[in-house]
PDB file of all heavy atoms in Angstrom:
ATOM      1  N   VAL A   1       6.463   1.524  -1.394  1.00  0.00           N
ATOM      2  CA  VAL A   1       5.423   0.562  -1.812  1.00  0.00           C
ATOM      3  C   VAL A   1       3.998   1.073  -1.458  1.00  0.00           C
ATOM      4  O   VAL A   1       3.700   1.200  -0.225  1.00  0.00           O
ATOM      5  CB  VAL A   1       5.611  -0.828  -1.007  1.00  0.00           C
ATOM      6  CG1 VAL A   1       4.581  -1.808  -1.414  1.00  0.00           C
ATOM      7  CG2 VAL A   1       7.046  -1.385  -1.171  1.00  0.00           C
ATOM      8  N   ALA A   2       3.386   1.550  -2.435  1.00  0.00           N
ATOM      9  CA  ALA A   2       2.051   2.112  -2.197  1.00  0.00           C
ATOM     10  C   ALA A   2       0.964   1.029  -1.833  1.00  0.00           C
ATOM     11  O   ALA A   2       1.174  -0.059  -2.232  1.00  0.00           O
ATOM     12  CB  ALA A   2       1.642   2.847  -3.481  1.00  0.00           C
ATOM     13  N   GLY A   3       0.106   1.411  -1.028  1.00  0.00           N
ATOM     14  CA  GLY A   3      -0.897   0.418  -0.610  1.00  0.00           C
ATOM     15  C   GLY A   3      -0.938   0.066   0.771  1.00  0.00           C
ATOM     16  O   GLY A   3      -0.729   1.013   1.698  1.00  0.00           O
ATOM     17  N   PHE A   4      -1.255  -1.078   1.132  1.00  0.00           N
ATOM     18  CA  PHE A   4      -1.531  -1.627   2.482  1.00  0.00           C
ATOM     19  C   PHE A   4      -0.432  -1.257   3.433  1.00  0.00           C
ATOM     20  O   PHE A   4      -0.607  -0.693   4.476  1.00  0.00           O
ATOM     21  CB  PHE A   4      -1.816  -3.110   2.438  1.00  0.00           C
ATOM     22  CG  PHE A   4      -2.122  -3.653   3.811  1.00  0.00           C
ATOM     23  CD1 PHE A   4      -3.503  -3.650   4.294  1.00  0.00           C
ATOM     24  CD2 PHE A   4      -1.181  -4.217   4.678  1.00  0.00           C
ATOM     25  CE1 PHE A   4      -3.832  -4.222   5.416  1.00  0.00           C
ATOM     26  CE2 PHE A   4      -1.548  -4.781   5.844  1.00  0.00           C
ATOM     27  CZ  PHE A   4      -2.824  -4.736   6.224  1.00  0.00           C
ATOM     28  N   THR A   5       0.822  -1.601   3.098  1.00  0.00           N
ATOM     29  CA  THR A   5       1.884  -1.409   4.047  1.00  0.00           C
ATOM     30  C   THR A   5       2.202   0.107   4.251  1.00  0.00           C
ATOM     31  O   THR A   5       2.606   0.463   5.440  1.00  0.00           O
ATOM     32  CB  THR A   5       3.180  -2.124   3.590  1.00  0.00           C
ATOM     33  OG1 THR A   5       3.597  -1.712   2.322  1.00  0.00           O
ATOM     34  CG2 THR A   5       2.983  -3.654   3.593  1.00  0.00           C
ATOM     35  N   GLU A   6       1.996   0.781   3.319  1.00  0.00           N
ATOM     36  CA  GLU A   6       2.295   2.318   3.406  1.00  0.00           C
ATOM     37  C   GLU A   6       1.126   2.904   4.311  1.00  0.00           C
ATOM     38  O   GLU A   6       1.320   3.599   5.246  1.00  0.00           O
ATOM     39  CB  GLU A   6       2.209   2.997   2.034  1.00  0.00           C
ATOM     40  CG  GLU A   6       2.292   4.447   2.123  1.00  0.00           C
ATOM     41  CD  GLU A   6       2.069   5.114   0.795  1.00  0.00           C
ATOM     42  OE1 GLU A   6       1.261   4.651  -0.023  1.00  0.00           O
ATOM     43  OE2 GLU A   6       2.664   6.181   0.559  1.00  0.00           O
ATOM     44  N   LYS A   7      -0.108   2.550   3.970  1.00  0.00           N
ATOM     45  CA  LYS A   7      -1.312   3.068   4.722  1.00  0.00           C
ATOM     46  C   LYS A   7      -1.197   2.745   6.200  1.00  0.00           C
ATOM     47  O   LYS A   7      -1.585   3.513   7.039  1.00  0.00           O
ATOM     48  CB  LYS A   7      -2.557   2.466   4.084  1.00  0.00           C
ATOM     49  CG  LYS A   7      -3.901   2.982   4.788  1.00  0.00           C
ATOM     50  CD  LYS A   7      -5.047   2.453   4.075  1.00  0.00           C
ATOM     51  CE  LYS A   7      -6.273   2.988   4.670  1.00  0.00           C
ATOM     52  NZ  LYS A   7      -7.538   2.435   3.986  1.00  0.00           N
ATOM     53  N   TYR A   8      -0.906   1.488   6.558  1.00  0.00           N
ATOM     54  CA  TYR A   8      -0.890   1.095   7.923  1.00  0.00           C
ATOM     55  C   TYR A   8       0.451   1.063   8.617  1.00  0.00           C
ATOM     56  O   TYR A   8       0.662   0.519   9.670  1.00  0.00           O
ATOM     57  CB  TYR A   8      -1.611  -0.328   8.045  1.00  0.00           C
ATOM     58  CG  TYR A   8      -3.033  -0.259   7.635  1.00  0.00           C
ATOM     59  CD1 TYR A   8      -3.435  -0.681   6.388  1.00  0.00           C
ATOM     60  CD2 TYR A   8      -4.022   0.245   8.541  1.00  0.00           C
ATOM     61  CE1 TYR A   8      -4.789  -0.614   6.037  1.00  0.00           C
ATOM     62  CE2 TYR A   8      -5.309   0.345   8.159  1.00  0.00           C
ATOM     63  CZ  TYR A   8      -5.699  -0.120   6.910  1.00  0.00           C
ATOM     64  OH  TYR A   8      -6.990  -0.038   6.519  1.00  0.00           O
ATOM     65  N   ASN A   9       1.457   1.719   7.980  1.00  0.00           N
ATOM     66  CA  ASN A   9       2.765   1.732   8.515  1.00  0.00           C
ATOM     67  C   ASN A   9       3.297   0.392   8.892  1.00  0.00           C
ATOM     68  O   ASN A   9       3.870   0.177  10.017  1.00  0.00           O
ATOM     69  CB  ASN A   9       2.856   2.755   9.662  1.00  0.00           C
ATOM     70  CG  ASN A   9       4.243   3.278   9.972  1.00  0.00           C
ATOM     71  OD1 ASN A   9       5.114   3.370   9.084  1.00  0.00           O
ATOM     72  ND2 ASN A   9       4.545   3.423  11.149  1.00  0.00           N
ATOM     73  N   VAL A  10       3.293  -0.574   8.019  1.00  0.00           N
ATOM     74  CA  VAL A  10       3.667  -1.921   8.355  1.00  0.00           C
ATOM     75  C   VAL A  10       5.064  -2.075   7.648  1.00  0.00           C
ATOM     76  O   VAL A  10       5.270  -2.174   6.520  1.00  0.00           O
ATOM     77  CB  VAL A  10       2.688  -2.937   7.664  1.00  0.00           C
ATOM     78  CG1 VAL A  10       3.141  -4.336   7.898  1.00  0.00           C
ATOM     79  CG2 VAL A  10       1.364  -2.721   8.281  1.00  0.00           C
ATOM     80  N   ASN A  11       6.158  -2.102   8.533  1.00  0.00           N
ATOM     81  CA  ASN A  11       7.450  -2.097   8.013  1.00  0.00           C
ATOM     82  C   ASN A  11       8.484  -2.812   8.964  1.00  0.00           C
ATOM     83  O   ASN A  11       9.667  -2.721   8.786  1.00  0.00           O
ATOM     84  CB  ASN A  11       7.998  -0.703   7.689  1.00  0.00           C
ATOM     85  CG  ASN A  11       8.012   0.232   8.842  1.00  0.00           C
ATOM     86  OD1 ASN A  11       8.103  -0.221   9.987  1.00  0.00           O
ATOM     87  ND2 ASN A  11       7.836   1.429   8.563  1.00  0.00           N
ATOM     88  N   LYS A  12       7.953  -3.480   9.959  1.00  0.00           N
ATOM     89  CA  LYS A  12       8.822  -4.175  10.876  1.00  0.00           C
ATOM     90  C   LYS A  12       8.959  -5.673  10.491  1.00  0.00           C
ATOM     91  O   LYS A  12       7.949  -6.408  10.523  1.00  0.00           O
ATOM     92  CB  LYS A  12       8.216  -4.018  12.266  1.00  0.00           C
ATOM     93  CG  LYS A  12       8.979  -4.655  13.387  1.00  0.00           C
ATOM     94  CD  LYS A  12       8.276  -4.391  14.705  1.00  0.00           C
ATOM     95  CE  LYS A  12       8.357  -5.443  15.656  1.00  0.00           C
ATOM     96  NZ  LYS A  12       7.571  -5.192  16.910  1.00  0.00           N
ATOM     97  N   LEU A  13      10.079  -6.062  10.109  1.00  0.00           N
ATOM     98  CA  LEU A  13      10.320  -7.491   9.649  1.00  0.00           C
ATOM     99  C   LEU A  13      10.427  -8.367  10.868  1.00  0.00           C
ATOM    100  O   LEU A  13      11.352  -8.203  11.686  1.00  0.00           O
ATOM    101  CB  LEU A  13      11.567  -7.539   8.762  1.00  0.00           C
ATOM    102  CG  LEU A  13      11.979  -8.980   8.349  1.00  0.00           C
ATOM    103  CD1 LEU A  13      10.927  -9.500   7.317  1.00  0.00           C
ATOM    104  CD2 LEU A  13      13.390  -8.951   7.681  1.00  0.00           C
ATOM    105  N   VAL A  14       9.473  -9.282  10.999  1.00  0.00           N
ATOM    106  CA  VAL A  14       9.538 -10.216  12.221  1.00  0.00           C
ATOM    107  C   VAL A  14       9.765 -11.588  11.807  1.00  0.00           C
ATOM    108  O   VAL A  14       9.997 -12.455  12.711  1.00  0.00           O
ATOM    109  CB  VAL A  14       8.231 -10.039  13.114  1.00  0.00           C
ATOM    110  CG1 VAL A  14       8.226  -8.681  13.705  1.00  0.00           C
ATOM    111  CG2 VAL A  14       7.068 -10.282  12.264  1.00  0.00           C
ATOM    112  N   TYR A  15       9.628 -11.981  10.505  1.00  0.00           N
ATOM    113  CA  TYR A  15       9.906 -13.336  10.090  1.00  0.00           C
ATOM    114  C   TYR A  15      10.223 -13.366   8.640  1.00  0.00           C
ATOM    115  O   TYR A  15       9.683 -12.614   7.838  1.00  0.00           O
ATOM    116  CB  TYR A  15       8.511 -14.223  10.334  1.00  0.00           C
ATOM    117  CG  TYR A  15       8.702 -15.581   9.939  1.00  0.00           C
ATOM    118  CD1 TYR A  15       9.250 -16.543  10.811  1.00  0.00           C
ATOM    119  CD2 TYR A  15       8.271 -16.009   8.776  1.00  0.00           C
ATOM    120  CE1 TYR A  15       9.461 -17.848  10.493  1.00  0.00           C
ATOM    121  CE2 TYR A  15       8.387 -17.362   8.335  1.00  0.00           C
ATOM    122  CZ  TYR A  15       9.020 -18.267   9.203  1.00  0.00           C
ATOM    123  OH  TYR A  15       9.156 -19.584   8.842  1.00  0.00           O
ATOM    124  N   ALA A  16      11.120 -14.277   8.323  1.00  0.00           N
ATOM    125  CA  ALA A  16      11.439 -14.595   6.904  1.00  0.00           C
ATOM    126  C   ALA A  16      11.874 -16.016   6.715  1.00  0.00           C
ATOM    127  O   ALA A  16      12.518 -16.555   7.640  1.00  0.00           O
ATOM    128  CB  ALA A  16      12.476 -13.594   6.381  1.00  0.00           C
ATOM    129  N   GLU A  17      11.555 -16.570   5.632  1.00  0.00           N
ATOM    130  CA  GLU A  17      12.109 -17.922   5.249  1.00  0.00           C
ATOM    131  C   GLU A  17      12.640 -17.840   3.845  1.00  0.00           C
ATOM    132  O   GLU A  17      12.141 -17.008   3.049  1.00  0.00           O
ATOM    133  CB  GLU A  17      11.126 -19.030   5.392  1.00  0.00           C
ATOM    134  CG  GLU A  17       9.703 -18.805   5.242  1.00  0.00           C
ATOM    135  CD  GLU A  17       8.820 -19.958   5.520  1.00  0.00           C
ATOM    136  OE1 GLU A  17       8.462 -20.668   4.566  1.00  0.00           O
ATOM    137  OE2 GLU A  17       8.306 -20.174   6.643  1.00  0.00           O
ATOM    138  N   GLU A  18      13.622 -18.609   3.514  1.00  0.00           N
ATOM    139  CA  GLU A  18      14.316 -18.502   2.294  1.00  0.00           C
ATOM    140  C   GLU A  18      14.189 -19.888   1.524  1.00  0.00           C
ATOM    141  O   GLU A  18      14.219 -20.966   2.099  1.00  0.00           O
ATOM    142  CB  GLU A  18      15.784 -18.237   2.545  1.00  0.00           C
ATOM    143  CG  GLU A  18      16.655 -18.070   1.305  1.00  0.00           C
ATOM    144  CD  GLU A  18      18.087 -17.694   1.683  1.00  0.00           C
ATOM    145  OE1 GLU A  18      18.451 -17.797   2.857  1.00  0.00           O
ATOM    146  OE2 GLU A  18      18.811 -17.438   0.673  1.00  0.00           O
ATOM    147  N   THR A  19      14.075 -19.807   0.164  1.00  0.00           N
ATOM    148  CA  THR A  19      13.981 -20.980  -0.728  1.00  0.00           C
ATOM    149  C   THR A  19      14.618 -20.617  -2.048  1.00  0.00           C
ATOM    150  O   THR A  19      14.710 -19.366  -2.416  1.00  0.00           O
ATOM    151  CB  THR A  19      12.587 -21.542  -0.871  1.00  0.00           C
ATOM    152  OG1 THR A  19      12.628 -22.711  -1.735  1.00  0.00           O
ATOM    153  CG2 THR A  19      11.631 -20.506  -1.454  1.00  0.00           C
ATOM    154  N   SER A  20      15.133 -21.585  -2.705  1.00  0.00           N
ATOM    155  CA  SER A  20      15.680 -21.346  -4.081  1.00  0.00           C
ATOM    156  C   SER A  20      14.655 -21.525  -5.118  1.00  0.00           C
ATOM    157  O   SER A  20      14.829 -21.375  -6.342  1.00  0.00           O
ATOM    158  CB  SER A  20      16.873 -22.262  -4.417  1.00  0.00           C
ATOM    159  OG  SER A  20      16.482 -23.607  -4.259  1.00  0.00           O
ATOM    160  N   ASP A  21      13.371 -21.974  -4.724  1.00  0.00           N
ATOM    161  CA  ASP A  21      12.302 -22.350  -5.611  1.00  0.00           C
ATOM    162  C   ASP A  21      11.189 -21.338  -5.578  1.00  0.00           C
ATOM    163  O   ASP A  21      10.529 -21.162  -4.635  1.00  0.00           O
ATOM    164  CB  ASP A  21      11.784 -23.751  -5.221  1.00  0.00           C
ATOM    165  CG  ASP A  21      10.640 -24.184  -6.211  1.00  0.00           C
ATOM    166  OD1 ASP A  21      10.160 -23.439  -7.032  1.00  0.00           O
ATOM    167  OD2 ASP A  21      10.250 -25.413  -6.051  1.00  0.00           O
ATOM    168  N   VAL A  22      11.069 -20.569  -6.722  1.00  0.00           N
ATOM    169  CA  VAL A  22      10.057 -19.439  -6.678  1.00  0.00           C
ATOM    170  C   VAL A  22       8.680 -20.015  -6.464  1.00  0.00           C
ATOM    171  O   VAL A  22       7.823 -19.325  -5.855  1.00  0.00           O
ATOM    172  CB  VAL A  22      10.163 -18.589  -7.994  1.00  0.00           C
ATOM    173  CG1 VAL A  22       9.822 -19.444  -9.231  1.00  0.00           C
ATOM    174  CG2 VAL A  22       9.279 -17.356  -7.877  1.00  0.00           C
ATOM    175  N   HIS A  23       8.423 -21.129  -7.151  1.00  0.00           N
ATOM    176  CA  HIS A  23       7.053 -21.769  -6.944  1.00  0.00           C
ATOM    177  C   HIS A  23       6.743 -22.103  -5.518  1.00  0.00           C
ATOM    178  O   HIS A  23       5.637 -21.954  -5.037  1.00  0.00           O
ATOM    179  CB  HIS A  23       6.934 -22.961  -7.882  1.00  0.00           C
ATOM    180  CG  HIS A  23       7.070 -22.594  -9.402  1.00  0.00           C
ATOM    181  ND1 HIS A  23       6.275 -21.776 -10.046  1.00  0.00           N
ATOM    182  CD2 HIS A  23       8.053 -22.887 -10.186  1.00  0.00           C
ATOM    183  CE1 HIS A  23       6.673 -21.574 -11.269  1.00  0.00           C
ATOM    184  NE2 HIS A  23       7.859 -22.319 -11.392  1.00  0.00           N
ATOM    185  N   ALA A  24       7.801 -22.702  -4.812  1.00  0.00           N
ATOM    186  CA  ALA A  24       7.597 -22.999  -3.408  1.00  0.00           C
ATOM    187  C   ALA A  24       7.372 -21.702  -2.548  1.00  0.00           C
ATOM    188  O   ALA A  24       6.573 -21.761  -1.671  1.00  0.00           O
ATOM    189  CB  ALA A  24       8.913 -23.769  -2.832  1.00  0.00           C
ATOM    190  N   ALA A  25       8.055 -20.705  -2.955  1.00  0.00           N
ATOM    191  CA  ALA A  25       7.890 -19.379  -2.207  1.00  0.00           C
ATOM    192  C   ALA A  25       6.465 -18.879  -2.419  1.00  0.00           C
ATOM    193  O   ALA A  25       5.844 -18.442  -1.396  1.00  0.00           O
ATOM    194  CB  ALA A  25       8.870 -18.352  -2.626  1.00  0.00           C
ATOM    195  N   LEU A  26       5.987 -18.926  -3.605  1.00  0.00           N
ATOM    196  CA  LEU A  26       4.658 -18.367  -3.884  1.00  0.00           C
ATOM    197  C   LEU A  26       3.603 -19.255  -3.251  1.00  0.00           C
ATOM    198  O   LEU A  26       2.561 -18.691  -2.647  1.00  0.00           O
ATOM    199  CB  LEU A  26       4.430 -18.301  -5.386  1.00  0.00           C
ATOM    200  CG  LEU A  26       5.289 -17.195  -6.069  1.00  0.00           C
ATOM    201  CD1 LEU A  26       5.171 -17.415  -7.628  1.00  0.00           C
ATOM    202  CD2 LEU A  26       4.891 -15.848  -5.670  1.00  0.00           C
ATOM    203  N   ALA A  27       3.818 -20.602  -3.268  1.00  0.00           N
ATOM    204  CA  ALA A  27       2.893 -21.538  -2.613  1.00  0.00           C
ATOM    205  C   ALA A  27       2.853 -21.249  -1.072  1.00  0.00           C
ATOM    206  O   ALA A  27       1.815 -21.258  -0.495  1.00  0.00           O
ATOM    207  CB  ALA A  27       3.189 -22.946  -2.937  1.00  0.00           C
ATOM    208  N   ARG A  28       4.004 -21.039  -0.470  1.00  0.00           N
ATOM    209  CA  ARG A  28       4.067 -20.792   0.963  1.00  0.00           C
ATOM    210  C   ARG A  28       3.461 -19.516   1.328  1.00  0.00           C
ATOM    211  O   ARG A  28       2.702 -19.413   2.310  1.00  0.00           O
ATOM    212  CB  ARG A  28       5.586 -20.809   1.352  1.00  0.00           C
ATOM    213  CG  ARG A  28       5.770 -20.543   2.846  1.00  0.00           C
ATOM    214  CD  ARG A  28       5.306 -21.746   3.709  1.00  0.00           C
ATOM    215  NE  ARG A  28       5.849 -21.526   4.979  1.00  0.00           N
ATOM    216  CZ  ARG A  28       5.352 -22.164   6.066  1.00  0.00           C
ATOM    217  NH1 ARG A  28       4.309 -23.017   6.061  1.00  0.00           N
ATOM    218  NH2 ARG A  28       5.911 -21.929   7.275  1.00  0.00           N
ATOM    219  N   GLU A  29       3.636 -18.441   0.511  1.00  0.00           N
ATOM    220  CA  GLU A  29       2.899 -17.209   0.741  1.00  0.00           C
ATOM    221  C   GLU A  29       1.420 -17.355   0.748  1.00  0.00           C
ATOM    222  O   GLU A  29       0.774 -16.963   1.651  1.00  0.00           O
ATOM    223  CB  GLU A  29       3.294 -16.128  -0.324  1.00  0.00           C
ATOM    224  CG  GLU A  29       2.598 -14.853  -0.188  1.00  0.00           C
ATOM    225  CD  GLU A  29       2.717 -13.929  -1.411  1.00  0.00           C
ATOM    226  OE1 GLU A  29       2.780 -14.485  -2.513  1.00  0.00           O
ATOM    227  OE2 GLU A  29       2.595 -12.776  -1.252  1.00  0.00           O
ATOM    228  N   LYS A  30       0.887 -18.053  -0.267  1.00  0.00           N
ATOM    229  CA  LYS A  30      -0.578 -18.266  -0.272  1.00  0.00           C
ATOM    230  C   LYS A  30      -1.064 -19.048   0.873  1.00  0.00           C
ATOM    231  O   LYS A  30      -2.062 -18.760   1.505  1.00  0.00           O
ATOM    232  CB  LYS A  30      -0.923 -19.023  -1.579  1.00  0.00           C
ATOM    233  CG  LYS A  30      -0.807 -18.096  -2.831  1.00  0.00           C
ATOM    234  CD  LYS A  30      -1.194 -18.796  -4.023  1.00  0.00           C
ATOM    235  CE  LYS A  30      -1.009 -17.934  -5.294  1.00  0.00           C
ATOM    236  NZ  LYS A  30      -1.312 -18.669  -6.621  1.00  0.00           N
ATOM    237  N   GLU A  31      -0.298 -20.063   1.240  1.00  0.00           N
ATOM    238  CA  GLU A  31      -0.601 -20.937   2.420  1.00  0.00           C
ATOM    239  C   GLU A  31      -0.621 -20.001   3.653  1.00  0.00           C
ATOM    240  O   GLU A  31      -1.662 -20.101   4.440  1.00  0.00           O
ATOM    241  CB  GLU A  31       0.423 -22.017   2.593  1.00  0.00           C
ATOM    242  CG  GLU A  31       0.249 -22.834   3.825  1.00  0.00           C
ATOM    243  CD  GLU A  31       1.406 -23.735   4.079  1.00  0.00           C
ATOM    244  OE1 GLU A  31       2.522 -23.580   3.578  1.00  0.00           O
ATOM    245  OE2 GLU A  31       1.308 -24.678   4.955  1.00  0.00           O
TER     246      GLU A  31
END
């Protein structure tokens, strides 16, 4: 993944949430 995560070596998963609704996922990301 080129860009921010590559440049700053950001690859440690510390949190995740799951939903079946893509719109809810996108809204949560923006929030």
